[in-house]
Amino acid sequence: MDETRLILLCNSADLADSGLAVPFEVVYGGQTCRAFAIRYAGQAHAYLNRCTHVAMELDYQPNHFFDITGHWLICATHGALYAPETGACRGGPCRGGLVKINLTERDGVVHWHTAYNLKPLEF
């Protein structure tokens, strides 16, 4: 049985509300994938960097995931919109929500959680 591990991601100060994301790599379902962490409404969230319409990365420039309003995550290629707090599809050509990665934030540090299908690269 796999145990959940906490993996250091970044300092809390590295995530500004509706600002640039902090990228990181994971092994998801046996494949190396890019992931990203953002802050929205004071809370840190993380997702696989994979649009649910067509499996390609969302960001239009490195680490830019928010639309111009700062309230939605947007796929630069397809225009799909996702809720930053849940990853749920909110408009455009989505097929479900983004794959969420659980985070823990305490004492000024953010960690991401492993899972049965989500591992760090060195695993």
PDB file of N, CA and C in Angstrom:
ATOM      1  N   MET A   1       0.845  -1.191   0.000  1.00  0.00           N
ATOM      2  CA  MET A   1       0.000   0.000   0.000  1.00  0.00           C
ATOM      3  C   MET A   1       0.884   1.245   0.000  1.00  0.00           C
ATOM      4  N   ASP A   2       0.563   2.188  -0.871  1.00  0.00           N
ATOM      5  CA  ASP A   2       1.340   3.427  -0.966  1.00  0.00           C
ATOM      6  C   ASP A   2       0.956   4.387   0.139  1.00  0.00           C
ATOM      7  N   GLU A   3       1.963   5.032   0.695  1.00  0.00           N
ATOM      8  CA  GLU A   3       1.715   6.066   1.686  1.00  0.00           C
ATOM      9  C   GLU A   3       1.844   7.426   1.032  1.00  0.00           C
ATOM     10  N   THR A   4       1.053   8.367   1.485  1.00  0.00           N
ATOM     11  CA  THR A   4       1.157   9.738   1.009  1.00  0.00           C
ATOM     12  C   THR A   4       2.389  10.378   1.626  1.00  0.00           C
ATOM     13  N   ARG A   5       3.165  11.042   0.794  1.00  0.00           N
ATOM     14  CA  ARG A   5       4.331  11.792   1.265  1.00  0.00           C
ATOM     15  C   ARG A   5       4.107  13.265   0.953  1.00  0.00           C
ATOM     16  N   LEU A   6       4.724  14.125   1.743  1.00  0.00           N
ATOM     17  CA  LEU A   6       4.712  15.561   1.472  1.00  0.00           C
ATOM     18  C   LEU A   6       6.026  15.912   0.792  1.00  0.00           C
ATOM     19  N   ILE A   7       5.936  16.598  -0.342  1.00  0.00           N
ATOM     20  CA  ILE A   7       7.108  16.972  -1.126  1.00  0.00           C
ATOM     21  C   ILE A   7       7.196  18.497  -1.143  1.00  0.00           C
ATOM     22  N   LEU A   8       8.336  19.034  -0.737  1.00  0.00           N
ATOM     23  CA  LEU A   8       8.543  20.486  -0.735  1.00  0.00           C
ATOM     24  C   LEU A   8       8.310  21.056  -2.128  1.00  0.00           C
ATOM     25  N   LEU A   9       7.501  22.112  -2.197  1.00  0.00           N
ATOM     26  CA  LEU A   9       7.205  22.758  -3.475  1.00  0.00           C
ATOM     27  C   LEU A   9       7.827  24.148  -3.551  1.00  0.00           C
ATOM     28  N   CYS A  10       7.472  25.035  -2.602  1.00  0.00           N
ATOM     29  CA  CYS A  10       7.966  26.406  -2.659  1.00  0.00           C
ATOM     30  C   CYS A  10       7.688  27.116  -1.342  1.00  0.00           C
ATOM     31  N   ASN A  11       8.180  28.324  -1.225  1.00  0.00           N
ATOM     32  CA  ASN A  11       7.814  29.191  -0.114  1.00  0.00           C
ATOM     33  C   ASN A  11       6.442  29.784  -0.396  1.00  0.00           C
ATOM     34  N   SER A  12       5.673  30.013   0.624  1.00  0.00           N
ATOM     35  CA  SER A  12       4.341  30.609   0.463  1.00  0.00           C
ATOM     36  C   SER A  12       4.405  31.933  -0.280  1.00  0.00           C
ATOM     37  N   ALA A  13       5.443  32.717  -0.024  1.00  0.00           N
ATOM     38  CA  ALA A  13       5.583  34.039  -0.664  1.00  0.00           C
ATOM     39  C   ALA A  13       5.782  33.941  -2.168  1.00  0.00           C
ATOM     40  N   ASP A  14       6.132  32.756  -2.689  1.00  0.00           N
ATOM     41  CA  ASP A  14       6.321  32.582  -4.135  1.00  0.00           C
ATOM     42  C   ASP A  14       5.002  32.567  -4.898  1.00  0.00           C
ATOM     43  N   LEU A  15       3.886  32.433  -4.184  1.00  0.00           N
ATOM     44  CA  LEU A  15       2.564  32.372  -4.812  1.00  0.00           C
ATOM     45  C   LEU A  15       1.771  33.628  -4.478  1.00  0.00           C
ATOM     46  N   ALA A  16       1.584  34.500  -5.454  1.00  0.00           N
ATOM     47  CA  ALA A  16       0.795  35.722  -5.276  1.00  0.00           C
ATOM     48  C   ALA A  16      -0.617  35.488  -5.810  1.00  0.00           C
ATOM     49  N   ASP A  17      -1.621  36.067  -5.150  1.00  0.00           N
ATOM     50  CA  ASP A  17      -3.008  35.929  -5.608  1.00  0.00           C
ATOM     51  C   ASP A  17      -3.132  36.268  -7.087  1.00  0.00           C
ATOM     52  N   SER A  18      -3.700  35.322  -7.853  1.00  0.00           N
ATOM     53  CA  SER A  18      -3.935  35.469  -9.289  1.00  0.00           C
ATOM     54  C   SER A  18      -2.671  35.839 -10.056  1.00  0.00           C
ATOM     55  N   GLY A  19      -1.527  35.458  -9.527  1.00  0.00           N
ATOM     56  CA  GLY A  19      -0.247  35.801 -10.151  1.00  0.00           C
ATOM     57  C   GLY A  19       0.374  34.623 -10.880  1.00  0.00           C
ATOM     58  N   LEU A  20       1.687  34.714 -11.039  1.00  0.00           N
ATOM     59  CA  LEU A  20       2.417  33.658 -11.720  1.00  0.00           C
ATOM     60  C   LEU A  20       2.358  32.350 -10.939  1.00  0.00           C
ATOM     61  N   ALA A  21       2.368  31.264 -11.661  1.00  0.00           N
ATOM     62  CA  ALA A  21       2.366  29.936 -11.058  1.00  0.00           C
ATOM     63  C   ALA A  21       3.787  29.501 -10.749  1.00  0.00           C
ATOM     64  N   VAL A  22       3.896  28.541  -9.864  1.00  0.00           N
ATOM     65  CA  VAL A  22       5.157  27.858  -9.604  1.00  0.00           C
ATOM     66  C   VAL A  22       5.048  26.492 -10.278  1.00  0.00           C
ATOM     67  N   PRO A  23       5.882  26.231 -11.283  1.00  0.00           N
ATOM     68  CA  PRO A  23       5.811  24.952 -11.988  1.00  0.00           C
ATOM     69  C   PRO A  23       6.581  23.860 -11.242  1.00  0.00           C
ATOM     70  N   PHE A  24       6.172  22.619 -11.453  1.00  0.00           N
ATOM     71  CA  PHE A  24       6.924  21.475 -10.933  1.00  0.00           C
ATOM     72  C   PHE A  24       6.578  20.257 -11.771  1.00  0.00           C
ATOM     73  N   GLU A  25       7.423  19.248 -11.700  1.00  0.00           N
ATOM     74  CA  GLU A  25       7.197  18.033 -12.472  1.00  0.00           C
ATOM     75  C   GLU A  25       6.800  16.900 -11.550  1.00  0.00           C
ATOM     76  N   VAL A  26       5.924  16.044 -12.062  1.00  0.00           N
ATOM     77  CA  VAL A  26       5.449  14.887 -11.324  1.00  0.00           C
ATOM     78  C   VAL A  26       5.423  13.688 -12.266  1.00  0.00           C
ATOM     79  N   VAL A  27       5.307  12.523 -11.694  1.00  0.00           N
ATOM     80  CA  VAL A  27       5.021  11.322 -12.466  1.00  0.00           C
ATOM     81  C   VAL A  27       3.568  10.977 -12.163  1.00  0.00           C
ATOM     82  N   TYR A  28       2.719  11.095 -13.183  1.00  0.00           N
ATOM     83  CA  TYR A  28       1.286  10.855 -13.024  1.00  0.00           C
ATOM     84  C   TYR A  28       0.908   9.650 -13.889  1.00  0.00           C
ATOM     85  N   GLY A  29       0.422   8.610 -13.262  1.00  0.00           N
ATOM     86  CA  GLY A  29       0.047   7.412 -14.006  1.00  0.00           C
ATOM     87  C   GLY A  29       1.204   6.841 -14.804  1.00  0.00           C
ATOM     88  N   GLY A  30       2.413   6.988 -14.293  1.00  0.00           N
ATOM     89  CA  GLY A  30       3.593   6.454 -14.962  1.00  0.00           C
ATOM     90  C   GLY A  30       4.234   7.367 -15.993  1.00  0.00           C
ATOM     91  N   GLN A  31       3.652   8.534 -16.238  1.00  0.00           N
ATOM     92  CA  GLN A  31       4.195   9.475 -17.219  1.00  0.00           C
ATOM     93  C   GLN A  31       4.680  10.743 -16.524  1.00  0.00           C
ATOM     94  N   THR A  32       5.808  11.272 -16.988  1.00  0.00           N
ATOM     95  CA  THR A  32       6.296  12.547 -16.463  1.00  0.00           C
ATOM     96  C   THR A  32       5.427  13.670 -17.017  1.00  0.00           C
ATOM     97  N   CYS A  33       4.919  14.507 -16.134  1.00  0.00           N
ATOM     98  CA  CYS A  33       4.021  15.606 -16.514  1.00  0.00           C
ATOM     99  C   CYS A  33       4.437  16.881 -15.795  1.00  0.00           C
ATOM    100  N   ARG A  34       4.143  18.002 -16.423  1.00  0.00           N
ATOM    101  CA  ARG A  34       4.298  19.276 -15.743  1.00  0.00           C
ATOM    102  C   ARG A  34       3.052  19.533 -14.913  1.00  0.00           C
ATOM    103  N   ALA A  35       3.257  20.191 -13.793  1.00  0.00           N
ATOM    104  CA  ALA A  35       2.169  20.599 -12.916  1.00  0.00           C
ATOM    105  C   ALA A  35       2.430  22.049 -12.520  1.00  0.00           C
ATOM    106  N   PHE A  36       1.452  22.676 -11.880  1.00  0.00           N
ATOM    107  CA  PHE A  36       1.631  24.061 -11.453  1.00  0.00           C
ATOM    108  C   PHE A  36       0.848  24.328 -10.181  1.00  0.00           C
ATOM    109  N   ALA A  37       1.377  25.253  -9.404  1.00  0.00           N
ATOM    110  CA  ALA A  37       0.695  25.723  -8.199  1.00  0.00           C
ATOM    111  C   ALA A  37       0.394  27.194  -8.374  1.00  0.00           C
ATOM    112  N   ILE A  38      -0.782  27.604  -7.904  1.00  0.00           N
ATOM    113  CA  ILE A  38      -1.208  29.004  -7.965  1.00  0.00           C
ATOM    114  C   ILE A  38      -1.809  29.377  -6.614  1.00  0.00           C
ATOM    115  N   ARG A  39      -2.020  30.666  -6.430  1.00  0.00           N
ATOM    116  CA  ARG A  39      -2.769  31.139  -5.270  1.00  0.00           C
ATOM    117  C   ARG A  39      -3.974  31.903  -5.792  1.00  0.00           C
ATOM    118  N   TYR A  40      -5.133  31.609  -5.198  1.00  0.00           N
ATOM    119  CA  TYR A  40      -6.362  32.310  -5.553  1.00  0.00           C
ATOM    120  C   TYR A  40      -7.154  32.544  -4.277  1.00  0.00           C
ATOM    121  N   ALA A  41      -7.580  33.779  -4.076  1.00  0.00           N
ATOM    122  CA  ALA A  41      -8.355  34.162  -2.885  1.00  0.00           C
ATOM    123  C   ALA A  41      -7.656  33.697  -1.600  1.00  0.00           C
ATOM    124  N   GLY A  42      -6.341  33.829  -1.590  1.00  0.00           N
ATOM    125  CA  GLY A  42      -5.564  33.525  -0.398  1.00  0.00           C
ATOM    126  C   GLY A  42      -5.195  32.066  -0.193  1.00  0.00           C
ATOM    127  N   GLN A  43      -5.719  31.169  -1.030  1.00  0.00           N
ATOM    128  CA  GLN A  43      -5.458  29.736  -0.876  1.00  0.00           C
ATOM    129  C   GLN A  43      -4.577  29.217  -2.015  1.00  0.00           C
ATOM    130  N   ALA A  44      -3.661  28.326  -1.677  1.00  0.00           N
ATOM    131  CA  ALA A  44      -2.799  27.696  -2.673  1.00  0.00           C
ATOM    132  C   ALA A  44      -3.500  26.469  -3.254  1.00  0.00           C
ATOM    133  N   HIS A  45      -3.357  26.274  -4.565  1.00  0.00           N
ATOM    134  CA  HIS A  45      -3.955  25.142  -5.282  1.00  0.00           C
ATOM    135  C   HIS A  45      -2.937  24.651  -6.303  1.00  0.00           C
ATOM    136  N   ALA A  46      -3.027  23.378  -6.666  1.00  0.00           N
ATOM    137  CA  ALA A  46      -2.128  22.827  -7.678  1.00  0.00           C
ATOM    138  C   ALA A  46      -2.884  21.851  -8.576  1.00  0.00           C
ATOM    139  N   TYR A  47      -2.447  21.796  -9.835  1.00  0.00           N
ATOM    140  CA  TYR A  47      -3.075  20.958 -10.857  1.00  0.00           C
ATOM    141  C   TYR A  47      -2.032  20.440 -11.826  1.00  0.00           C
ATOM    142  N   LEU A  48      -2.376  19.350 -12.519  1.00  0.00           N
ATOM    143  CA  LEU A  48      -1.574  18.953 -13.664  1.00  0.00           C
ATOM    144  C   LEU A  48      -1.737  20.016 -14.733  1.00  0.00           C
ATOM    145  N   ASN A  49      -0.687  20.299 -15.462  1.00  0.00           N
ATOM    146  CA  ASN A  49      -0.741  21.288 -16.545  1.00  0.00           C
ATOM    147  C   ASN A  49      -1.208  20.580 -17.814  1.00  0.00           C
ATOM    148  N   ARG A  50      -2.498  20.221 -17.814  1.00  0.00           N
ATOM    149  CA  ARG A  50      -3.059  19.448 -18.917  1.00  0.00           C
ATOM    150  C   ARG A  50      -4.518  19.828 -19.117  1.00  0.00           C
ATOM    151  N   CYS A  51      -4.824  20.431 -20.262  1.00  0.00           N
ATOM    152  CA  CYS A  51      -6.199  20.787 -20.601  1.00  0.00           C
ATOM    153  C   CYS A  51      -7.015  19.510 -20.767  1.00  0.00           C
ATOM    154  N   THR A  52      -8.259  19.531 -20.345  1.00  0.00           N
ATOM    155  CA  THR A  52      -9.100  18.341 -20.473  1.00  0.00           C
ATOM    156  C   THR A  52      -9.737  18.227 -21.854  1.00  0.00           C
ATOM    157  N   HIS A  53      -9.663  19.269 -22.664  1.00  0.00           N
ATOM    158  CA  HIS A  53     -10.197  19.207 -24.026  1.00  0.00           C
ATOM    159  C   HIS A  53      -9.277  18.373 -24.906  1.00  0.00           C
ATOM    160  N   VAL A  54      -8.028  18.767 -24.972  1.00  0.00           N
ATOM    161  CA  VAL A  54      -6.964  18.021 -25.642  1.00  0.00           C
ATOM    162  C   VAL A  54      -5.779  18.080 -24.693  1.00  0.00           C
ATOM    163  N   ALA A  55      -5.159  16.965 -24.444  1.00  0.00           N
ATOM    164  CA  ALA A  55      -4.099  16.891 -23.429  1.00  0.00           C
ATOM    165  C   ALA A  55      -2.858  17.685 -23.846  1.00  0.00           C
ATOM    166  N   MET A  56      -2.945  18.994 -23.682  1.00  0.00           N
ATOM    167  CA  MET A  56      -1.795  19.868 -23.914  1.00  0.00           C
ATOM    168  C   MET A  56      -1.726  20.880 -22.782  1.00  0.00           C
ATOM    169  N   GLU A  57      -0.566  21.521 -22.641  1.00  0.00           N
ATOM    170  CA  GLU A  57      -0.375  22.445 -21.526  1.00  0.00           C
ATOM    171  C   GLU A  57      -1.224  23.693 -21.690  1.00  0.00           C
ATOM    172  N   LEU A  58      -1.638  24.250 -20.558  1.00  0.00           N
ATOM    173  CA  LEU A  58      -2.559  25.381 -20.529  1.00  0.00           C
ATOM    174  C   LEU A  58      -1.889  26.735 -20.744  1.00  0.00           C
ATOM    175  N   ASP A  59      -0.713  26.951 -20.171  1.00  0.00           N
ATOM    176  CA  ASP A  59      -0.146  28.291 -20.084  1.00  0.00           C
ATOM    177  C   ASP A  59       0.208  28.886 -21.450  1.00  0.00           C
ATOM    178  N   TYR A  60      -0.125  30.165 -21.604  1.00  0.00           N
ATOM    179  CA  TYR A  60       0.134  30.889 -22.849  1.00  0.00           C
ATOM    180  C   TYR A  60       1.526  31.489 -22.866  1.00  0.00           C
ATOM    181  N   GLN A  61       2.081  31.726 -21.731  1.00  0.00           N
ATOM    182  CA  GLN A  61       3.467  32.108 -21.529  1.00  0.00           C
ATOM    183  C   GLN A  61       3.896  31.319 -20.304  1.00  0.00           C
ATOM    184  N   PRO A  62       5.183  31.065 -20.144  1.00  0.00           N
ATOM    185  CA  PRO A  62       5.584  30.268 -18.983  1.00  0.00           C
ATOM    186  C   PRO A  62       4.991  30.801 -17.676  1.00  0.00           C
ATOM    187  N   ASN A  63       4.293  29.930 -16.978  1.00  0.00           N
ATOM    188  CA  ASN A  63       3.737  30.183 -15.649  1.00  0.00           C
ATOM    189  C   ASN A  63       2.585  31.182 -15.609  1.00  0.00           C
ATOM    190  N   HIS A  64       1.989  31.509 -16.743  1.00  0.00           N
ATOM    191  CA  HIS A  64       0.804  32.375 -16.828  1.00  0.00           C
ATOM    192  C   HIS A  64      -0.423  31.503 -17.092  1.00  0.00           C
ATOM    193  N   PHE A  65      -1.289  31.384 -16.111  1.00  0.00           N
ATOM    194  CA  PHE A  65      -2.470  30.537 -16.235  1.00  0.00           C
ATOM    195  C   PHE A  65      -3.773  31.303 -16.083  1.00  0.00           C
ATOM    196  N   PHE A  66      -3.732  32.467 -15.434  1.00  0.00           N
ATOM    197  CA  PHE A  66      -4.957  33.228 -15.206  1.00  0.00           C
ATOM    198  C   PHE A  66      -5.339  34.041 -16.434  1.00  0.00           C
ATOM    199  N   ASP A  67      -6.648  34.191 -16.640  1.00  0.00           N
ATOM    200  CA  ASP A  67      -7.121  35.078 -17.700  1.00  0.00           C
ATOM    201  C   ASP A  67      -6.891  36.527 -17.275  1.00  0.00           C
ATOM    202  N   ILE A  68      -7.270  37.460 -18.109  1.00  0.00           N
ATOM    203  CA  ILE A  68      -7.015  38.885 -17.854  1.00  0.00           C
ATOM    204  C   ILE A  68      -7.718  39.396 -16.596  1.00  0.00           C
ATOM    205  N   THR A  69      -8.831  38.738 -16.188  1.00  0.00           N
ATOM    206  CA  THR A  69      -9.544  39.177 -14.986  1.00  0.00           C
ATOM    207  C   THR A  69      -8.894  38.660 -13.701  1.00  0.00           C
ATOM    208  N   GLY A  70      -8.066  37.633 -13.825  1.00  0.00           N
ATOM    209  CA  GLY A  70      -7.457  37.029 -12.646  1.00  0.00           C
ATOM    210  C   GLY A  70      -8.394  36.114 -11.877  1.00  0.00           C
ATOM    211  N   HIS A  71      -9.548  35.771 -12.480  1.00  0.00           N
ATOM    212  CA  HIS A  71     -10.539  34.938 -11.799  1.00  0.00           C
ATOM    213  C   HIS A  71     -10.700  33.542 -12.390  1.00  0.00           C
ATOM    214  N   TRP A  72     -10.069  33.271 -13.530  1.00  0.00           N
ATOM    215  CA  TRP A  72     -10.213  31.966 -14.187  1.00  0.00           C
ATOM    216  C   TRP A  72      -8.860  31.486 -14.673  1.00  0.00           C
ATOM    217  N   LEU A  73      -8.657  30.176 -14.622  1.00  0.00           N
ATOM    218  CA  LEU A  73      -7.525  29.558 -15.290  1.00  0.00           C
ATOM    219  C   LEU A  73      -7.976  29.306 -16.723  1.00  0.00           C
ATOM    220  N   ILE A  74      -7.138  29.611 -17.693  1.00  0.00           N
ATOM    221  CA  ILE A  74      -7.547  29.513 -19.087  1.00  0.00           C
ATOM    222  C   ILE A  74      -6.549  28.695 -19.891  1.00  0.00           C
ATOM    223  N   CYS A  75      -7.074  27.882 -20.789  1.00  0.00           N
ATOM    224  CA  CYS A  75      -6.232  27.171 -21.743  1.00  0.00           C
ATOM    225  C   CYS A  75      -5.959  28.127 -22.896  1.00  0.00           C
ATOM    226  N   ALA A  76      -4.712  28.458 -23.108  1.00  0.00           N
ATOM    227  CA  ALA A  76      -4.346  29.423 -24.149  1.00  0.00           C
ATOM    228  C   ALA A  76      -4.669  28.917 -25.546  1.00  0.00           C
ATOM    229  N   THR A  77      -4.693  27.613 -25.727  1.00  0.00           N
ATOM    230  CA  THR A  77      -4.951  27.048 -27.053  1.00  0.00           C
ATOM    231  C   THR A  77      -6.434  26.964 -27.367  1.00  0.00           C
ATOM    232  N   HIS A  78      -7.246  26.530 -26.427  1.00  0.00           N
ATOM    233  CA  HIS A  78      -8.662  26.253 -26.691  1.00  0.00           C
ATOM    234  C   HIS A  78      -9.634  27.233 -26.060  1.00  0.00           C
ATOM    235  N   GLY A  79      -9.173  28.039 -25.093  1.00  0.00           N
ATOM    236  CA  GLY A  79     -10.054  28.981 -24.419  1.00  0.00           C
ATOM    237  C   GLY A  79     -10.897  28.354 -23.325  1.00  0.00           C
ATOM    238  N   ALA A  80     -10.635  27.102 -22.975  1.00  0.00           N
ATOM    239  CA  ALA A  80     -11.372  26.471 -21.879  1.00  0.00           C
ATOM    240  C   ALA A  80     -11.079  27.219 -20.583  1.00  0.00           C
ATOM    241  N   LEU A  81     -12.108  27.422 -19.763  1.00  0.00           N
ATOM    242  CA  LEU A  81     -11.966  28.117 -18.487  1.00  0.00           C
ATOM    243  C   LEU A  81     -12.180  27.154 -17.332  1.00  0.00           C
ATOM    244  N   TYR A  82     -11.325  27.274 -16.309  1.00  0.00           N
ATOM    245  CA  TYR A  82     -11.399  26.417 -15.137  1.00  0.00           C
ATOM    246  C   TYR A  82     -11.428  27.270 -13.880  1.00  0.00           C
ATOM    247  N   ALA A  83     -12.187  26.831 -12.884  1.00  0.00           N
ATOM    248  CA  ALA A  83     -12.248  27.521 -11.594  1.00  0.00           C
ATOM    249  C   ALA A  83     -10.928  27.290 -10.854  1.00  0.00           C
ATOM    250  N   PRO A  84     -10.239  28.359 -10.451  1.00  0.00           N
ATOM    251  CA  PRO A  84      -8.926  28.179  -9.819  1.00  0.00           C
ATOM    252  C   PRO A  84      -8.976  27.472  -8.468  1.00  0.00           C
ATOM    253  N   GLU A  85     -10.099  27.534  -7.770  1.00  0.00           N
ATOM    254  CA  GLU A  85     -10.178  26.906  -6.454  1.00  0.00           C
ATOM    255  C   GLU A  85     -10.526  25.421  -6.512  1.00  0.00           C
ATOM    256  N   THR A  86     -11.060  24.935  -7.630  1.00  0.00           N
ATOM    257  CA  THR A  86     -11.447  23.525  -7.730  1.00  0.00           C
ATOM    258  C   THR A  86     -10.918  22.824  -8.973  1.00  0.00           C
ATOM    259  N   GLY A  87     -10.584  23.581 -10.008  1.00  0.00           N
ATOM    260  CA  GLY A  87     -10.185  23.000 -11.282  1.00  0.00           C
ATOM    261  C   GLY A  87     -11.363  22.587 -12.145  1.00  0.00           C
ATOM    262  N   ALA A  88     -12.595  22.859 -11.684  1.00  0.00           N
ATOM    263  CA  ALA A  88     -13.800  22.482 -12.435  1.00  0.00           C
ATOM    264  C   ALA A  88     -13.922  23.303 -13.712  1.00  0.00           C
ATOM    265  N   CYS A  89     -14.420  22.676 -14.764  1.00  0.00           N
ATOM    266  CA  CYS A  89     -14.655  23.365 -16.034  1.00  0.00           C
ATOM    267  C   CYS A  89     -15.770  24.392 -15.842  1.00  0.00           C
ATOM    268  N   ARG A  90     -15.546  25.614 -16.301  1.00  0.00           N
ATOM    269  CA  ARG A  90     -16.546  26.670 -16.177  1.00  0.00           C
ATOM    270  C   ARG A  90     -16.926  27.294 -17.514  1.00  0.00           C
ATOM    271  N   GLY A  91     -16.326  26.819 -18.604  1.00  0.00           N
ATOM    272  CA  GLY A  91     -16.695  27.335 -19.916  1.00  0.00           C
ATOM    273  C   GLY A  91     -15.718  26.874 -20.974  1.00  0.00           C
ATOM    274  N   GLY A  92     -16.192  26.897 -22.212  1.00  0.00           N
ATOM    275  CA  GLY A  92     -15.340  26.491 -23.319  1.00  0.00           C
ATOM    276  C   GLY A  92     -15.320  24.981 -23.491  1.00  0.00           C
ATOM    277  N   PRO A  93     -14.417  24.505 -24.315  1.00  0.00           N
ATOM    278  CA  PRO A  93     -14.401  23.081 -24.671  1.00  0.00           C
ATOM    279  C   PRO A  93     -13.679  22.194 -23.653  1.00  0.00           C
ATOM    280  N   CYS A  94     -14.209  22.108 -22.441  1.00  0.00           N
ATOM    281  CA  CYS A  94     -13.614  21.237 -21.415  1.00  0.00           C
ATOM    282  C   CYS A  94     -14.301  19.883 -21.444  1.00  0.00           C
ATOM    283  N   ARG A  95     -13.578  18.890 -21.006  1.00  0.00           N
ATOM    284  CA  ARG A  95     -14.159  17.559 -20.782  1.00  0.00           C
ATOM    285  C   ARG A  95     -13.832  17.166 -19.350  1.00  0.00           C
ATOM    286  N   GLY A  96     -14.531  17.759 -18.418  1.00  0.00           N
ATOM    287  CA  GLY A  96     -14.251  17.515 -17.005  1.00  0.00           C
ATOM    288  C   GLY A  96     -13.317  18.561 -16.453  1.00  0.00           C
ATOM    289  N   GLY A  97     -12.882  18.335 -15.221  1.00  0.00           N
ATOM    290  CA  GLY A  97     -12.029  19.302 -14.543  1.00  0.00           C
ATOM    291  C   GLY A  97     -10.562  18.923 -14.594  1.00  0.00           C
ATOM    292  N   LEU A  98      -9.732  19.859 -14.191  1.00  0.00           N
ATOM    293  CA  LEU A  98      -8.300  19.624 -14.105  1.00  0.00           C
ATOM    294  C   LEU A  98      -7.999  18.606 -13.006  1.00  0.00           C
ATOM    295  N   VAL A  99      -6.892  17.901 -13.138  1.00  0.00           N
ATOM    296  CA  VAL A  99      -6.462  16.949 -12.123  1.00  0.00           C
ATOM    297  C   VAL A  99      -5.824  17.734 -10.984  1.00  0.00           C
ATOM    298  N   LYS A 100      -6.484  17.691  -9.822  1.00  0.00           N
ATOM    299  CA  LYS A 100      -6.035  18.457  -8.658  1.00  0.00           C
ATOM    300  C   LYS A 100      -4.946  17.702  -7.910  1.00  0.00           C
ATOM    301  N   ILE A 101      -3.973  18.449  -7.423  1.00  0.00           N
ATOM    302  CA  ILE A 101      -2.903  17.907  -6.597  1.00  0.00           C
ATOM    303  C   ILE A 101      -3.055  18.544  -5.227  1.00  0.00           C
ATOM    304  N   ASN A 102      -3.197  17.731  -4.204  1.00  0.00           N
ATOM    305  CA  ASN A 102      -3.397  18.253  -2.855  1.00  0.00           C
ATOM    306  C   ASN A 102      -2.137  18.930  -2.333  1.00  0.00           C
ATOM    307  N   LEU A 103      -2.351  20.046  -1.653  1.00  0.00           N
ATOM    308  CA  LEU A 103      -1.266  20.824  -1.064  1.00  0.00           C
ATOM    309  C   LEU A 103      -1.483  20.970   0.432  1.00  0.00           C
ATOM    310  N   THR A 104      -0.387  21.178   1.134  1.00  0.00           N
ATOM    311  CA  THR A 104      -0.407  21.594   2.532  1.00  0.00           C
ATOM    312  C   THR A 104       0.469  22.827   2.624  1.00  0.00           C
ATOM    313  N   GLU A 105      -0.060  23.865   3.282  1.00  0.00           N
ATOM    314  CA  GLU A 105       0.702  25.104   3.459  1.00  0.00           C
ATOM    315  C   GLU A 105       0.744  25.428   4.942  1.00  0.00           C
ATOM    316  N   ARG A 106       1.964  25.517   5.475  1.00  0.00           N
ATOM    317  CA  ARG A 106       2.099  25.895   6.882  1.00  0.00           C
ATOM    318  C   ARG A 106       3.507  26.427   7.121  1.00  0.00           C
ATOM    319  N   ASP A 107       3.579  27.348   8.050  1.00  0.00           N
ATOM    320  CA  ASP A 107       4.863  27.951   8.443  1.00  0.00           C
ATOM    321  C   ASP A 107       5.624  28.531   7.253  1.00  0.00           C
ATOM    322  N   GLY A 108       4.877  29.114   6.301  1.00  0.00           N
ATOM    323  CA  GLY A 108       5.499  29.802   5.179  1.00  0.00           C
ATOM    324  C   GLY A 108       6.036  28.900   4.084  1.00  0.00           C
ATOM    325  N   VAL A 109       5.615  27.633   4.084  1.00  0.00           N
ATOM    326  CA  VAL A 109       6.101  26.672   3.095  1.00  0.00           C
ATOM    327  C   VAL A 109       4.925  25.885   2.517  1.00  0.00           C
ATOM    328  N   VAL A 110       5.007  25.581   1.212  1.00  0.00           N
ATOM    329  CA  VAL A 110       3.975  24.794   0.527  1.00  0.00           C
ATOM    330  C   VAL A 110       4.573  23.446   0.134  1.00  0.00           C
ATOM    331  N   HIS A 111       3.841  22.371   0.452  1.00  0.00           N
ATOM    332  CA  HIS A 111       4.216  21.017   0.065  1.00  0.00           C
ATOM    333  C   HIS A 111       3.091  20.421  -0.771  1.00  0.00           C
ATOM    334  N   TRP A 112       3.433  19.540  -1.719  1.00  0.00           N
ATOM    335  CA  TRP A 112       2.401  18.795  -2.435  1.00  0.00           C
ATOM    336  C   TRP A 112       2.402  17.351  -1.938  1.00  0.00           C
ATOM    337  N   HIS A 113       1.235  16.703  -2.092  1.00  0.00           N
ATOM    338  CA  HIS A 113       1.025  15.350  -1.579  1.00  0.00           C
ATOM    339  C   HIS A 113       1.158  14.334  -2.707  1.00  0.00           C
ATOM    340  N   THR A 114       1.883  13.263  -2.452  1.00  0.00           N
ATOM    341  CA  THR A 114       1.888  12.154  -3.391  1.00  0.00           C
ATOM    342  C   THR A 114       0.568  11.393  -3.250  1.00  0.00           C
ATOM    343  N   ALA A 115       0.310  10.503  -4.200  1.00  0.00           N
ATOM    344  CA  ALA A 115      -0.875   9.644  -4.174  1.00  0.00           C
ATOM    345  C   ALA A 115      -0.507   8.353  -4.904  1.00  0.00           C
ATOM    346  N   TYR A 116      -1.441   7.427  -4.965  1.00  0.00           N
ATOM    347  CA  TYR A 116      -1.150   6.146  -5.616  1.00  0.00           C
ATOM    348  C   TYR A 116      -0.709   6.327  -7.063  1.00  0.00           C
ATOM    349  N   ASN A 117      -1.213   7.345  -7.744  1.00  0.00           N
ATOM    350  CA  ASN A 117      -0.890   7.584  -9.154  1.00  0.00           C
ATOM    351  C   ASN A 117      -0.071   8.861  -9.366  1.00  0.00           C
ATOM    352  N   LEU A 118       0.433   9.451  -8.294  1.00  0.00           N
ATOM    353  CA  LEU A 118       1.153  10.729  -8.376  1.00  0.00           C
ATOM    354  C   LEU A 118       2.402  10.652  -7.520  1.00  0.00           C
ATOM    355  N   LYS A 119       3.553  10.703  -8.178  1.00  0.00           N
ATOM    356  CA  LYS A 119       4.823  10.527  -7.501  1.00  0.00           C
ATOM    357  C   LYS A 119       5.799  11.637  -7.902  1.00  0.00           C
ATOM    358  N   PRO A 120       6.807  11.883  -7.077  1.00  0.00           N
ATOM    359  CA  PRO A 120       7.876  12.792  -7.495  1.00  0.00           C
ATOM    360  C   PRO A 120       8.763  12.103  -8.533  1.00  0.00           C
ATOM    361  N   LEU A 121       9.529  12.874  -9.258  1.00  0.00           N
ATOM    362  CA  LEU A 121      10.381  12.317 -10.318  1.00  0.00           C
ATOM    363  C   LEU A 121      11.371  11.287  -9.814  1.00  0.00           C
ATOM    364  N   GLU A 122      11.932  11.470  -8.642  1.00  0.00           N
ATOM    365  CA  GLU A 122      12.965  10.563  -8.161  1.00  0.00           C
ATOM    366  C   GLU A 122      12.412   9.225  -7.701  1.00  0.00           C
ATOM    367  N   PHE A 123      11.114   9.072  -7.656  1.00  0.00           N
ATOM    368  CA  PHE A 123      10.491   7.860  -7.126  1.00  0.00           C
ATOM    369  C   PHE A 123      10.718   6.687  -8.050  1.00  0.00           C
TER     370      PHE A 123
END
